[in-house]
C-alpha atoms as a PDB file:
ATOM      1  CA  UNK A   1      89.619  96.748  82.071  1.00  0.00           C
ATOM      2  CA  UNK A   2      90.074  92.988  82.122  1.00  0.00           C
ATOM      3  CA  UNK A   3      93.807  93.007  82.907  1.00  0.00           C
ATOM      4  CA  UNK A   4      95.037  90.508  85.481  1.00  0.00           C
ATOM      5  CA  UNK A   5      96.524  92.087  88.613  1.00  0.00           C
ATOM      6  CA  UNK A   6      99.571  90.064  89.629  1.00  0.00           C
ATOM      7  CA  UNK A   7     102.028  90.657  92.469  1.00  0.00           C
ATOM      8  CA  UNK A   8     105.784  90.793  91.872  1.00  0.00           C
ATOM      9  CA  UNK A   9     106.034  87.321  93.388  1.00  0.00           C
ATOM     10  CA  UNK A  10     103.472  85.898  90.911  1.00  0.00           C
ATOM     11  CA  UNK A  11     100.268  85.792  92.994  1.00  0.00           C
ATOM     12  CA  UNK A  12      97.069  86.619  91.080  1.00  0.00           C
ATOM     13  CA  UNK A  13      94.923  89.141  93.005  1.00  0.00           C
ATOM     14  CA  UNK A  14      92.119  89.433  90.469  1.00  0.00           C
ATOM     15  CA  UNK A  15      91.180  91.425  87.384  1.00  0.00           C
ATOM     16  CA  UNK A  16      90.630  95.109  86.791  1.00  0.00           C
ATOM     17  CA  UNK A  17      86.846  95.453  86.586  1.00  0.00           C
ATOM     18  CA  UNK A  18      86.523  99.264  86.619  1.00  0.00           C
ATOM     19  CA  UNK A  19      88.732 102.324  86.223  1.00  0.00           C
ATOM     20  CA  UNK A  20      87.841 105.623  87.880  1.00  0.00           C
ATOM     21  CA  UNK A  21      89.645 108.785  86.764  1.00  0.00           C
ATOM     22  CA  UNK A  22      89.371 112.084  88.622  1.00  0.00           C
ATOM     23  CA  UNK A  23      88.695 115.082  86.410  1.00  0.00           C
ATOM     24  CA  UNK A  24      90.196 117.629  88.810  1.00  0.00           C
ATOM     25  CA  UNK A  25      93.456 115.722  89.416  1.00  0.00           C
ATOM     26  CA  UNK A  26      95.451 113.364  87.216  1.00  0.00           C
ATOM     27  CA  UNK A  27      94.658 110.317  89.355  1.00  0.00           C
ATOM     28  CA  UNK A  28      93.280 106.893  88.502  1.00  0.00           C
ATOM     29  CA  UNK A  29      91.842 104.213  90.776  1.00  0.00           C
ATOM     30  CA  UNK A  30      91.318 100.605  89.695  1.00  0.00           C
ATOM     31  CA  UNK A  31      88.675  98.283  91.091  1.00  0.00           C
ATOM     32  CA  UNK A  32      90.037  94.749  91.345  1.00  0.00           C
ATOM     33  CA  UNK A  33      87.648  91.794  91.601  1.00  0.00           C
ATOM     34  CA  UNK A  34      88.571  88.121  91.944  1.00  0.00           C
ATOM     35  CA  UNK A  35      85.513  86.799  90.128  1.00  0.00           C
ATOM     36  CA  UNK A  36      82.577  87.844  87.968  1.00  0.00           C
ATOM     37  CA  UNK A  37      80.270  87.527  90.998  1.00  0.00           C
ATOM     38  CA  UNK A  38      82.410  89.972  92.964  1.00  0.00           C
ATOM     39  CA  UNK A  39      82.367  92.344  90.016  1.00  0.00           C
ATOM     40  CA  UNK A  40      78.558  92.462  89.936  1.00  0.00           C
ATOM     41  CA  UNK A  41      77.903  92.366  93.692  1.00  0.00           C
ATOM     42  CA  UNK A  42      80.440  94.948  94.802  1.00  0.00           C
ATOM     43  CA  UNK A  43      83.244  92.750  96.103  1.00  0.00           C
ATOM     44  CA  UNK A  44      86.935  93.135  95.575  1.00  0.00           C
ATOM     45  CA  UNK A  45      89.031  96.185  96.440  1.00  0.00           C
ATOM     46  CA  UNK A  46      90.115  99.540  95.045  1.00  0.00           C
ATOM     47  CA  UNK A  47      93.726 100.152  94.094  1.00  0.00           C
ATOM     48  CA  UNK A  48      95.310 103.586  93.563  1.00  0.00           C
ATOM     49  CA  UNK A  49      96.882 103.863  90.119  1.00  0.00           C
ATOM     50  CA  UNK A  50     100.234 104.836  91.618  1.00  0.00           C
ATOM     51  CA  UNK A  51     100.559 101.328  93.141  1.00  0.00           C
ATOM     52  CA  UNK A  52     101.120  99.702  89.740  1.00  0.00           C
ATOM     53  CA  UNK A  53     104.782  98.893  89.056  1.00  0.00           C
ATOM     54  CA  UNK A  54     104.420  97.990  85.390  1.00  0.00           C
ATOM     55  CA  UNK A  55     102.001  96.894  82.694  1.00  0.00           C
ATOM     56  CA  UNK A  56     102.373  94.156  80.087  1.00  0.00           C
ATOM     57  CA  UNK A  57     102.804  95.651  76.595  1.00  0.00           C
ATOM     58  CA  UNK A  58      99.613  93.933  75.422  1.00  0.00           C
ATOM     59  CA  UNK A  59      97.597  95.239  78.413  1.00  0.00           C
ATOM     60  CA  UNK A  60      96.884  91.761  79.758  1.00  0.00           C
ATOM     61  CA  UNK A  61      98.658  92.152  83.106  1.00  0.00           C
ATOM     62  CA  UNK A  62      99.379  94.789  85.758  1.00  0.00           C
ATOM     63  CA  UNK A  63     102.303  94.070  88.102  1.00  0.00           C
ATOM     64  CA  UNK A  64     101.934  95.375  91.668  1.00  0.00           C
ATOM     65  CA  UNK A  65     104.075  95.087  94.842  1.00  0.00           C
ATOM     66  CA  UNK A  66     103.880  91.859  96.853  1.00  0.00           C
ATOM     67  CA  UNK A  67     102.330  93.714  99.822  1.00  0.00           C
ATOM     68  CA  UNK A  68      99.588  95.412  97.787  1.00  0.00           C
ATOM     69  CA  UNK A  69      96.645  93.986  99.731  1.00  0.00           C
ATOM     70  CA  UNK A  70      98.069  95.167 103.065  1.00  0.00           C
ATOM     71  CA  UNK A  71      99.553  98.468 101.922  1.00  0.00           C
ATOM     72  CA  UNK A  72      97.395  99.841  99.079  1.00  0.00           C
ATOM     73  CA  UNK A  73      94.035  98.025  98.892  1.00  0.00           C
ATOM     74  CA  UNK A  74      91.030 100.132  99.921  1.00  0.00           C
ATOM     75  CA  UNK A  75      87.507  98.924 100.591  1.00  0.00           C
ATOM     76  CA  UNK A  76      85.856 101.959  98.971  1.00  0.00           C
ATOM     77  CA  UNK A  77      86.496 104.364  96.137  1.00  0.00           C
ATOM     78  CA  UNK A  78      86.492 107.339  98.529  1.00  0.00           C
ATOM     79  CA  UNK A  79      89.170 105.677 100.651  1.00  0.00           C
ATOM     80  CA  UNK A  80      91.358 105.030  97.583  1.00  0.00           C
ATOM     81  CA  UNK A  81      91.148 108.642  96.426  1.00  0.00           C
END
């Protein structure tokens, strides 16, 4: 939580504000919000954990494909699962 989500071409999409992990399957979903207001008022999008390409060693950044918003972003947790 708190890691910046950055595309391979360097565009900042937001920050990880929540992580949801399914107990019955080894699957994680990240909620990405652009601002603190979005975090508290339900904005942003949900990103399946499999979309992440790499993570910074210090946990400060998650690298995702350039087409993440079009290809992977979901508007609800149920849609991302």
